[in-house]
């Protein structure tokens, strides 16, 4: 799940600072009261409201796939997801699923066809 935007966090806290009851602010901005409390505590402790980084290591497969896919798609846009998966595995020696390839394609800018089966 993506974190709430900094803009929303600032607007919520500004409403609380103006004296609006937290329950009302929570309803108005569609956030929970505990979320408001967490943002207030973070602002008090750090002086900012930026979301914390998402924990965990960055995806090694995802980075390699994201770098390889655009040029591969330009030259092979009629392949199925399974065929793209096989080509990536052959080129990099790393196994990925067709679903992973599909998600990586959907994250790329522009519109790429997601061909799931041969026709």
Foldseek 3Di string as FASTA:
>chain_A
DDDDDQVLLVVLVVCVVVPDDLVVSCVVSVHDSVVNVVQVVCCVVPVGRDDDDDDDDDDPVLVLLLVPPPVVCVVPLQDALVVVQVVSCVVPVDHDDSVSNVVSQVPDPDDGDHHHDHD
